[in-house]
PDB file of N, CA and C in Angstrom:
ATOM      1  N   ALA A   1     -44.684  41.306  51.471  1.00  0.00           N
ATOM      2  CA  ALA A   1     -43.487  42.509  51.604  1.00  0.00           C
ATOM      3  C   ALA A   1     -44.172  43.398  52.657  1.00  0.00           C
ATOM      4  N   TRP A   2     -43.349  43.732  53.332  1.00  0.00           N
ATOM      5  CA  TRP A   2     -43.550  44.861  54.596  1.00  0.00           C
ATOM      6  C   TRP A   2     -42.419  45.562  54.875  1.00  0.00           C
ATOM      7  N   GLY A   3     -42.615  46.486  55.640  1.00  0.00           N
ATOM      8  CA  GLY A   3     -41.165  47.382  56.098  1.00  0.00           C
ATOM      9  C   GLY A   3     -41.454  48.810  56.589  1.00  0.00           C
ATOM     10  N   GLU A   4     -40.390  49.579  56.522  1.00  0.00           N
ATOM     11  CA  GLU A   4     -40.352  50.662  57.215  1.00  0.00           C
ATOM     12  C   GLU A   4     -41.434  51.900  56.747  1.00  0.00           C
ATOM     13  N   ASP A   5     -42.188  51.556  55.500  1.00  0.00           N
ATOM     14  CA  ASP A   5     -43.061  52.652  55.056  1.00  0.00           C
ATOM     15  C   ASP A   5     -44.455  52.153  55.861  1.00  0.00           C
ATOM     16  N   GLY A   6     -44.407  51.241  56.706  1.00  0.00           N
ATOM     17  CA  GLY A   6     -45.664  50.933  57.135  1.00  0.00           C
ATOM     18  C   GLY A   6     -46.845  50.310  56.319  1.00  0.00           C
ATOM     19  N   VAL A   7     -46.179  49.618  55.143  1.00  0.00           N
ATOM     20  CA  VAL A   7     -47.259  49.100  53.966  1.00  0.00           C
ATOM     21  C   VAL A   7     -46.919  47.614  54.036  1.00  0.00           C
ATOM     22  N   PHE A   8     -47.923  47.048  53.984  1.00  0.00           N
ATOM     23  CA  PHE A   8     -48.046  45.307  53.873  1.00  0.00           C
ATOM     24  C   PHE A   8     -48.591  45.046  52.575  1.00  0.00           C
ATOM     25  N   GLU A   9     -47.911  44.164  51.668  1.00  0.00           N
ATOM     26  CA  GLU A   9     -48.517  43.836  50.319  1.00  0.00           C
ATOM     27  C   GLU A   9     -48.392  42.279  50.482  1.00  0.00           C
ATOM     28  N   ALA A  10     -49.314  41.547  49.881  1.00  0.00           N
ATOM     29  CA  ALA A  10     -49.198  40.077  49.774  1.00  0.00           C
ATOM     30  C   ALA A  10     -49.167  40.019  48.054  1.00  0.00           C
ATOM     31  N   LEU A  11     -48.189  39.114  47.709  1.00  0.00           N
ATOM     32  CA  LEU A  11     -47.932  39.065  46.178  1.00  0.00           C
ATOM     33  C   LEU A  11     -48.384  37.501  45.711  1.00  0.00           C
ATOM     34  N   ASP A  12     -48.890  37.572  44.535  1.00  0.00           N
ATOM     35  CA  ASP A  12     -49.359  36.385  43.756  1.00  0.00           C
ATOM     36  C   ASP A  12     -47.895  35.672  43.285  1.00  0.00           C
ATOM     37  N   ALA A  13     -47.922  34.623  42.597  1.00  0.00           N
ATOM     38  CA  ALA A  13     -46.758  33.770  42.141  1.00  0.00           C
ATOM     39  C   ALA A  13     -46.263  34.570  41.087  1.00  0.00           C
ATOM     40  N   THR A  14     -46.717  35.449  40.337  1.00  0.00           N
ATOM     41  CA  THR A  14     -45.956  36.449  39.500  1.00  0.00           C
ATOM     42  C   THR A  14     -45.628  37.494  39.902  1.00  0.00           C
ATOM     43  N   GLY A  15     -45.620  37.759  41.097  1.00  0.00           N
ATOM     44  CA  GLY A  15     -45.110  39.027  41.942  1.00  0.00           C
ATOM     45  C   GLY A  15     -46.021  40.145  41.703  1.00  0.00           C
ATOM     46  N   ARG A  16     -47.378  40.036  41.292  1.00  0.00           N
ATOM     47  CA  ARG A  16     -48.403  41.061  41.330  1.00  0.00           C
ATOM     48  C   ARG A  16     -48.939  41.404  42.832  1.00  0.00           C
ATOM     49  N   VAL A  17     -49.114  42.625  43.039  1.00  0.00           N
ATOM     50  CA  VAL A  17     -49.545  42.936  44.362  1.00  0.00           C
ATOM     51  C   VAL A  17     -50.992  42.484  44.302  1.00  0.00           C
ATOM     52  N   VAL A  18     -51.522  41.608  45.419  1.00  0.00           N
ATOM     53  CA  VAL A  18     -53.079  41.041  45.404  1.00  0.00           C
ATOM     54  C   VAL A  18     -53.583  41.522  46.478  1.00  0.00           C
ATOM     55  N   VAL A  19     -52.822  41.924  47.722  1.00  0.00           N
ATOM     56  CA  VAL A  19     -53.424  42.772  48.600  1.00  0.00           C
ATOM     57  C   VAL A  19     -52.326  43.941  49.301  1.00  0.00           C
ATOM     58  N   SER A  20     -53.121  45.226  49.485  1.00  0.00           N
ATOM     59  CA  SER A  20     -52.198  45.913  50.078  1.00  0.00           C
ATOM     60  C   SER A  20     -52.938  46.743  51.266  1.00  0.00           C
ATOM     61  N   TYR A  21     -52.276  47.120  52.108  1.00  0.00           N
ATOM     62  CA  TYR A  21     -52.876  47.590  53.614  1.00  0.00           C
ATOM     63  C   TYR A  21     -51.790  48.310  54.124  1.00  0.00           C
ATOM     64  N   THR A  22     -52.098  49.609  54.439  1.00  0.00           N
ATOM     65  CA  THR A  22     -51.006  50.593  55.232  1.00  0.00           C
ATOM     66  C   THR A  22     -51.395  50.725  56.741  1.00  0.00           C
ATOM     67  N   ALA A  23     -50.496  50.166  57.538  1.00  0.00           N
ATOM     68  CA  ALA A  23     -50.663  50.313  58.864  1.00  0.00           C
ATOM     69  C   ALA A  23     -50.648  51.526  59.588  1.00  0.00           C
ATOM     70  N   GLY A  24     -49.775  52.390  58.801  1.00  0.00           N
ATOM     71  CA  GLY A  24     -49.196  53.523  59.445  1.00  0.00           C
ATOM     72  C   GLY A  24     -47.678  53.532  59.864  1.00  0.00           C
ATOM     73  N   PRO A  25     -47.510  52.989  61.257  1.00  0.00           N
ATOM     74  CA  PRO A  25     -46.258  52.894  61.799  1.00  0.00           C
ATOM     75  C   PRO A  25     -45.338  51.821  61.039  1.00  0.00           C
ATOM     76  N   PRO A  26     -44.103  51.579  61.214  1.00  0.00           N
ATOM     77  CA  PRO A  26     -43.321  50.899  60.466  1.00  0.00           C
ATOM     78  C   PRO A  26     -43.830  49.404  60.893  1.00  0.00           C
ATOM     79  N   ILE A  27     -43.740  48.508  59.755  1.00  0.00           N
ATOM     80  CA  ILE A  27     -44.054  46.966  60.125  1.00  0.00           C
ATOM     81  C   ILE A  27     -42.804  46.177  60.346  1.00  0.00           C
ATOM     82  N   GLN A  28     -42.201  46.037  61.437  1.00  0.00           N
ATOM     83  CA  GLN A  28     -40.871  45.301  61.610  1.00  0.00           C
ATOM     84  C   GLN A  28     -40.713  43.720  61.888  1.00  0.00           C
ATOM     85  N   ALA A  29     -42.247  43.294  62.014  1.00  0.00           N
ATOM     86  CA  ALA A  29     -42.489  42.070  62.236  1.00  0.00           C
ATOM     87  C   ALA A  29     -43.206  41.008  60.965  1.00  0.00           C
ATOM     88  N   GLU A  30     -42.816  39.743  61.149  1.00  0.00           N
ATOM     89  CA  GLU A  30     -43.266  39.185  59.994  1.00  0.00           C
ATOM     90  C   GLU A  30     -44.750  38.985  59.987  1.00  0.00           C
ATOM     91  N   VAL A  31     -45.473  39.068  58.623  1.00  0.00           N
ATOM     92  CA  VAL A  31     -46.773  39.161  58.570  1.00  0.00           C
ATOM     93  C   VAL A  31     -47.286  37.584  58.789  1.00  0.00           C
ATOM     94  N   VAL A  32     -48.447  37.160  59.683  1.00  0.00           N
ATOM     95  CA  VAL A  32     -48.812  35.942  59.611  1.00  0.00           C
ATOM     96  C   VAL A  32     -50.050  35.640  58.972  1.00  0.00           C
ATOM     97  N   ARG A  33     -50.088  34.535  58.372  1.00  0.00           N
ATOM     98  CA  ARG A  33     -51.288  34.352  57.473  1.00  0.00           C
ATOM     99  C   ARG A  33     -52.410  33.651  58.875  1.00  0.00           C
ATOM    100  N   GLU A  34     -53.460  34.258  58.846  1.00  0.00           N
ATOM    101  CA  GLU A  34     -54.726  34.136  59.877  1.00  0.00           C
ATOM    102  C   GLU A  34     -55.760  33.165  59.454  1.00  0.00           C
ATOM    103  N   GLY A  35     -55.887  32.085  59.147  1.00  0.00           N
ATOM    104  CA  GLY A  35     -56.777  30.980  58.703  1.00  0.00           C
ATOM    105  C   GLY A  35     -56.802  31.446  57.050  1.00  0.00           C
ATOM    106  N   ALA A  36     -57.895  31.088  56.445  1.00  0.00           N
ATOM    107  CA  ALA A  36     -57.619  31.010  54.856  1.00  0.00           C
ATOM    108  C   ALA A  36     -58.045  32.472  54.086  1.00  0.00           C
ATOM    109  N   ARG A  37     -58.113  33.522  54.843  1.00  0.00           N
ATOM    110  CA  ARG A  37     -58.710  34.815  54.116  1.00  0.00           C
ATOM    111  C   ARG A  37     -58.104  36.078  54.940  1.00  0.00           C
ATOM    112  N   HIS A  38     -57.400  35.741  55.667  1.00  0.00           N
ATOM    113  CA  HIS A  38     -56.531  36.895  56.569  1.00  0.00           C
ATOM    114  C   HIS A  38     -55.210  36.917  56.865  1.00  0.00           C
ATOM    115  N   PHE A  39     -54.706  38.183  57.432  1.00  0.00           N
ATOM    116  CA  PHE A  39     -53.360  38.277  57.752  1.00  0.00           C
ATOM    117  C   PHE A  39     -53.243  39.020  59.158  1.00  0.00           C
ATOM    118  N   ALA A  40     -52.315  38.769  59.944  1.00  0.00           N
ATOM    119  CA  ALA A  40     -52.266  39.330  61.238  1.00  0.00           C
ATOM    120  C   ALA A  40     -50.800  40.260  60.892  1.00  0.00           C
ATOM    121  N   VAL A  41     -50.891  41.571  61.109  1.00  0.00           N
ATOM    122  CA  VAL A  41     -49.895  42.698  60.735  1.00  0.00           C
ATOM    123  C   VAL A  41     -49.865  43.329  62.136  1.00  0.00           C
ATOM    124  N   LEU A  42     -48.473  43.276  62.483  1.00  0.00           N
ATOM    125  CA  LEU A  42     -48.123  44.125  63.804  1.00  0.00           C
ATOM    126  C   LEU A  42     -47.340  45.207  63.463  1.00  0.00           C
ATOM    127  N   ASP A  43     -47.758  46.470  64.019  1.00  0.00           N
ATOM    128  CA  ASP A  43     -46.950  47.394  63.632  1.00  0.00           C
ATOM    129  C   ASP A  43     -46.123  47.814  64.704  1.00  0.00           C
ATOM    130  N   SER A  44     -45.112  48.809  64.340  1.00  0.00           N
ATOM    131  CA  SER A  44     -43.958  48.861  65.409  1.00  0.00           C
ATOM    132  C   SER A  44     -44.535  49.587  66.705  1.00  0.00           C
ATOM    133  N   LYS A  45     -45.778  50.214  66.820  1.00  0.00           N
ATOM    134  CA  LYS A  45     -46.101  50.827  67.981  1.00  0.00           C
ATOM    135  C   LYS A  45     -46.936  50.031  68.782  1.00  0.00           C
ATOM    136  N   GLY A  46     -47.160  48.640  68.452  1.00  0.00           N
ATOM    137  CA  GLY A  46     -47.874  47.748  69.101  1.00  0.00           C
ATOM    138  C   GLY A  46     -49.477  47.399  69.225  1.00  0.00           C
ATOM    139  N   THR A  47     -49.775  47.739  67.570  1.00  0.00           N
ATOM    140  CA  THR A  47     -51.124  47.460  67.244  1.00  0.00           C
ATOM    141  C   THR A  47     -51.168  46.533  66.283  1.00  0.00           C
ATOM    142  N   MET A  48     -51.933  45.282  66.633  1.00  0.00           N
ATOM    143  CA  MET A  48     -52.154  44.032  65.792  1.00  0.00           C
ATOM    144  C   MET A  48     -53.412  44.236  64.994  1.00  0.00           C
ATOM    145  N   HIS A  49     -53.171  44.329  63.584  1.00  0.00           N
ATOM    146  CA  HIS A  49     -53.964  44.545  62.558  1.00  0.00           C
ATOM    147  C   HIS A  49     -54.536  42.992  62.106  1.00  0.00           C
ATOM    148  N   LEU A  50     -55.798  43.074  62.139  1.00  0.00           N
ATOM    149  CA  LEU A  50     -56.461  41.506  61.184  1.00  0.00           C
ATOM    150  C   LEU A  50     -56.895  42.386  59.922  1.00  0.00           C
ATOM    151  N   VAL A  51     -56.231  41.880  58.826  1.00  0.00           N
ATOM    152  CA  VAL A  51     -56.431  42.395  57.334  1.00  0.00           C
ATOM    153  C   VAL A  51     -57.038  41.191  56.771  1.00  0.00           C
ATOM    154  N   ASP A  52     -57.947  41.516  55.819  1.00  0.00           N
ATOM    155  CA  ASP A  52     -58.813  40.261  55.056  1.00  0.00           C
ATOM    156  C   ASP A  52     -57.817  40.454  53.855  1.00  0.00           C
ATOM    157  N   ASP A  53     -58.412  39.232  52.806  1.00  0.00           N
ATOM    158  CA  ASP A  53     -57.521  39.314  51.531  1.00  0.00           C
ATOM    159  C   ASP A  53     -58.086  40.530  50.354  1.00  0.00           C
ATOM    160  N   ARG A  54     -58.716  41.545  50.931  1.00  0.00           N
ATOM    161  CA  ARG A  54     -59.094  42.482  50.089  1.00  0.00           C
ATOM    162  C   ARG A  54     -58.216  43.763  50.443  1.00  0.00           C
ATOM    163  N   GLY A  55     -57.656  43.599  51.737  1.00  0.00           N
ATOM    164  CA  GLY A  55     -56.819  44.845  52.169  1.00  0.00           C
ATOM    165  C   GLY A  55     -57.451  45.555  53.181  1.00  0.00           C
ATOM    166  N   ALA A  56     -58.937  45.035  53.655  1.00  0.00           N
ATOM    167  CA  ALA A  56     -59.580  45.773  54.561  1.00  0.00           C
ATOM    168  C   ALA A  56     -59.362  45.397  55.806  1.00  0.00           C
ATOM    169  N   VAL A  57     -59.463  46.236  56.863  1.00  0.00           N
ATOM    170  CA  VAL A  57     -59.144  45.872  58.313  1.00  0.00           C
ATOM    171  C   VAL A  57     -60.542  45.174  58.852  1.00  0.00           C
ATOM    172  N   ALA A  58     -60.315  43.900  59.262  1.00  0.00           N
ATOM    173  CA  ALA A  58     -61.515  43.226  59.959  1.00  0.00           C
ATOM    174  C   ALA A  58     -61.455  43.497  61.541  1.00  0.00           C
ATOM    175  N   ALA A  59     -60.147  43.671  62.074  1.00  0.00           N
ATOM    176  CA  ALA A  59     -60.137  43.988  63.451  1.00  0.00           C
ATOM    177  C   ALA A  59     -58.643  44.497  64.039  1.00  0.00           C
ATOM    178  N   LYS A  60     -58.615  45.401  64.927  1.00  0.00           N
ATOM    179  CA  LYS A  60     -57.229  45.900  65.635  1.00  0.00           C
ATOM    180  C   LYS A  60     -57.560  45.634  67.080  1.00  0.00           C
ATOM    181  N   LEU A  61     -56.113  45.497  67.661  1.00  0.00           N
ATOM    182  CA  LEU A  61     -55.972  45.359  68.998  1.00  0.00           C
ATOM    183  C   LEU A  61     -54.712  45.947  69.293  1.00  0.00           C
ATOM    184  N   ASP A  62     -54.953  46.785  70.450  1.00  0.00           N
ATOM    185  CA  ASP A  62     -53.504  47.544  70.923  1.00  0.00           C
ATOM    186  C   ASP A  62     -53.158  46.616  71.983  1.00  0.00           C
ATOM    187  N   LEU A  63     -51.855  46.363  71.792  1.00  0.00           N
ATOM    188  CA  LEU A  63     -51.233  45.224  72.483  1.00  0.00           C
ATOM    189  C   LEU A  63     -50.662  46.108  73.808  1.00  0.00           C
ATOM    190  N   GLY A  64     -50.622  47.200  74.009  1.00  0.00           N
ATOM    191  CA  GLY A  64     -50.206  47.842  75.078  1.00  0.00           C
ATOM    192  C   GLY A  64     -48.856  48.274  75.321  1.00  0.00           C
ATOM    193  N   GLY A  65     -47.872  48.343  74.325  1.00  0.00           N
ATOM    194  CA  GLY A  65     -46.454  48.450  74.470  1.00  0.00           C
ATOM    195  C   GLY A  65     -45.800  48.200  73.018  1.00  0.00           C
ATOM    196  N   VAL A  66     -44.780  48.324  72.977  1.00  0.00           N
ATOM    197  CA  VAL A  66     -43.713  48.361  71.892  1.00  0.00           C
ATOM    198  C   VAL A  66     -43.497  46.852  71.843  1.00  0.00           C
ATOM    199  N   PRO A  67     -43.630  46.122  70.598  1.00  0.00           N
ATOM    200  CA  PRO A  67     -43.846  44.645  70.472  1.00  0.00           C
ATOM    201  C   PRO A  67     -42.289  44.237  70.151  1.00  0.00           C
ATOM    202  N   GLY A  68     -41.873  43.019  70.204  1.00  0.00           N
ATOM    203  CA  GLY A  68     -40.754  42.527  69.383  1.00  0.00           C
ATOM    204  C   GLY A  68     -41.095  42.303  68.105  1.00  0.00           C
ATOM    205  N   THR A  69     -39.966  41.839  67.373  1.00  0.00           N
ATOM    206  CA  THR A  69     -40.160  41.739  66.107  1.00  0.00           C
ATOM    207  C   THR A  69     -40.229  40.376  65.500  1.00  0.00           C
ATOM    208  N   GLU A  70     -40.412  39.603  66.416  1.00  0.00           N
ATOM    209  CA  GLU A  70     -40.634  38.036  66.188  1.00  0.00           C
ATOM    210  C   GLU A  70     -42.018  37.472  66.402  1.00  0.00           C
ATOM    211  N   LEU A  71     -42.719  37.065  65.534  1.00  0.00           N
ATOM    212  CA  LEU A  71     -44.147  36.331  65.582  1.00  0.00           C
ATOM    213  C   LEU A  71     -44.020  35.004  65.380  1.00  0.00           C
ATOM    214  N   ALA A  72     -44.920  34.354  66.340  1.00  0.00           N
ATOM    215  CA  ALA A  72     -45.076  32.792  66.229  1.00  0.00           C
ATOM    216  C   ALA A  72     -46.230  32.598  66.036  1.00  0.00           C
ATOM    217  N   GLN A  73     -46.732  31.337  65.227  1.00  0.00           N
ATOM    218  CA  GLN A  73     -48.235  30.854  65.439  1.00  0.00           C
ATOM    219  C   GLN A  73     -48.198  29.732  65.821  1.00  0.00           C
ATOM    220  N   THR A  74     -49.460  29.524  66.857  1.00  0.00           N
ATOM    221  CA  THR A  74     -49.529  27.960  67.298  1.00  0.00           C
ATOM    222  C   THR A  74     -50.482  27.216  66.324  1.00  0.00           C
ATOM    223  N   ARG A  75     -50.145  26.091  65.678  1.00  0.00           N
ATOM    224  CA  ARG A  75     -51.024  25.484  64.599  1.00  0.00           C
ATOM    225  C   ARG A  75     -52.174  25.063  65.309  1.00  0.00           C
ATOM    226  N   SER A  76     -52.148  24.370  66.415  1.00  0.00           N
ATOM    227  CA  SER A  76     -53.183  23.466  66.984  1.00  0.00           C
ATOM    228  C   SER A  76     -54.221  24.564  67.735  1.00  0.00           C
ATOM    229  N   MET A  77     -53.945  25.761  68.174  1.00  0.00           N
ATOM    230  CA  MET A  77     -54.798  26.439  68.882  1.00  0.00           C
ATOM    231  C   MET A  77     -55.279  27.839  67.683  1.00  0.00           C
ATOM    232  N   GLY A  78     -54.352  28.116  66.737  1.00  0.00           N
ATOM    233  CA  GLY A  78     -54.412  29.235  66.061  1.00  0.00           C
ATOM    234  C   GLY A  78     -54.192  30.372  66.804  1.00  0.00           C
ATOM    235  N   LEU A  79     -53.433  30.714  67.475  1.00  0.00           N
ATOM    236  CA  LEU A  79     -53.061  32.004  68.029  1.00  0.00           C
ATOM    237  C   LEU A  79     -51.815  32.642  67.601  1.00  0.00           C
ATOM    238  N   VAL A  80     -51.916  33.713  67.672  1.00  0.00           N
ATOM    239  CA  VAL A  80     -50.528  34.645  67.069  1.00  0.00           C
ATOM    240  C   VAL A  80     -49.861  35.015  68.458  1.00  0.00           C
ATOM    241  N   VAL A  81     -48.640  34.667  68.674  1.00  0.00           N
ATOM    242  CA  VAL A  81     -47.773  35.034  69.986  1.00  0.00           C
ATOM    243  C   VAL A  81     -46.907  36.040  69.488  1.00  0.00           C
ATOM    244  N   VAL A  82     -46.614  36.974  70.398  1.00  0.00           N
ATOM    245  CA  VAL A  82     -45.395  38.100  70.515  1.00  0.00           C
ATOM    246  C   VAL A  82     -45.004  38.422  71.648  1.00  0.00           C
ATOM    247  N   ALA A  83     -43.833  38.881  72.070  1.00  0.00           N
ATOM    248  CA  ALA A  83     -43.339  39.663  73.239  1.00  0.00           C
ATOM    249  C   ALA A  83     -43.703  40.902  73.238  1.00  0.00           C
ATOM    250  N   VAL A  84     -44.307  41.658  74.298  1.00  0.00           N
ATOM    251  CA  VAL A  84     -44.612  43.031  74.262  1.00  0.00           C
ATOM    252  C   VAL A  84     -43.642  43.422  75.610  1.00  0.00           C
ATOM    253  N   GLY A  85     -42.781  43.990  75.650  1.00  0.00           N
ATOM    254  CA  GLY A  85     -42.152  44.201  76.866  1.00  0.00           C
ATOM    255  C   GLY A  85     -41.394  42.900  77.621  1.00  0.00           C
ATOM    256  N   SER A  86     -41.942  42.533  78.607  1.00  0.00           N
ATOM    257  CA  SER A  86     -41.218  41.385  79.529  1.00  0.00           C
ATOM    258  C   SER A  86     -42.576  40.629  79.292  1.00  0.00           C
ATOM    259  N   GLU A  87     -43.513  40.473  78.575  1.00  0.00           N
ATOM    260  CA  GLU A  87     -44.574  39.944  78.773  1.00  0.00           C
ATOM    261  C   GLU A  87     -44.760  39.231  77.466  1.00  0.00           C
ATOM    262  N   VAL A  88     -45.353  37.834  77.306  1.00  0.00           N
ATOM    263  CA  VAL A  88     -45.722  37.239  76.044  1.00  0.00           C
ATOM    264  C   VAL A  88     -47.218  37.192  75.836  1.00  0.00           C
ATOM    265  N   VAL A  89     -47.702  37.870  74.686  1.00  0.00           N
ATOM    266  CA  VAL A  89     -49.124  37.957  74.193  1.00  0.00           C
ATOM    267  C   VAL A  89     -49.541  37.061  73.193  1.00  0.00           C
ATOM    268  N   ALA A  90     -50.676  36.469  73.555  1.00  0.00           N
ATOM    269  CA  ALA A  90     -51.006  35.542  72.723  1.00  0.00           C
ATOM    270  C   ALA A  90     -52.728  36.379  72.092  1.00  0.00           C
ATOM    271  N   VAL A  91     -52.621  36.385  70.787  1.00  0.00           N
ATOM    272  CA  VAL A  91     -53.938  36.836  70.130  1.00  0.00           C
ATOM    273  C   VAL A  91     -54.553  35.756  69.327  1.00  0.00           C
ATOM    274  N   ASP A  92     -56.113  35.791  69.731  1.00  0.00           N
ATOM    275  CA  ASP A  92     -56.742  34.902  68.800  1.00  0.00           C
ATOM    276  C   ASP A  92     -58.047  35.575  68.084  1.00  0.00           C
ATOM    277  N   PHE A  93     -57.860  35.930  66.875  1.00  0.00           N
ATOM    278  CA  PHE A  93     -58.765  36.491  66.162  1.00  0.00           C
ATOM    279  C   PHE A  93     -60.130  36.191  65.722  1.00  0.00           C
ATOM    280  N   PHE A  94     -60.247  34.427  66.258  1.00  0.00           N
ATOM    281  CA  PHE A  94     -61.177  33.598  65.982  1.00  0.00           C
ATOM    282  C   PHE A  94     -61.698  33.617  64.259  1.00  0.00           C
ATOM    283  N   VAL A  95     -60.751  33.526  63.383  1.00  0.00           N
ATOM    284  CA  VAL A  95     -61.028  33.531  62.151  1.00  0.00           C
ATOM    285  C   VAL A  95     -60.943  32.141  61.513  1.00  0.00           C
ATOM    286  N   PRO A  96     -61.898  31.533  60.605  1.00  0.00           N
ATOM    287  CA  PRO A  96     -61.804  30.220  60.070  1.00  0.00           C
ATOM    288  C   PRO A  96     -60.397  29.984  59.038  1.00  0.00           C
TER     289      PRO A  96
END
């Protein structure tokens, strides 16, 4: 779950919150699973947050502009791809 409040929450099969992270600005793009234990969370100001399965920030990356709301993930290379302005940005956090 994610939204205008800037909070990302991962739920288990029973609906219980198992991961919670506050990005700050609204989260308007789908959150993407990165490896076995991380999530890529993109806020509306253009910061990509790598959040682990405990809700801690493993890394942050400023993408330099307002992002689109659609994320894509390349399975073979493990990249998260997003449009920022008129450019396409690929992010690789190098997580297993």
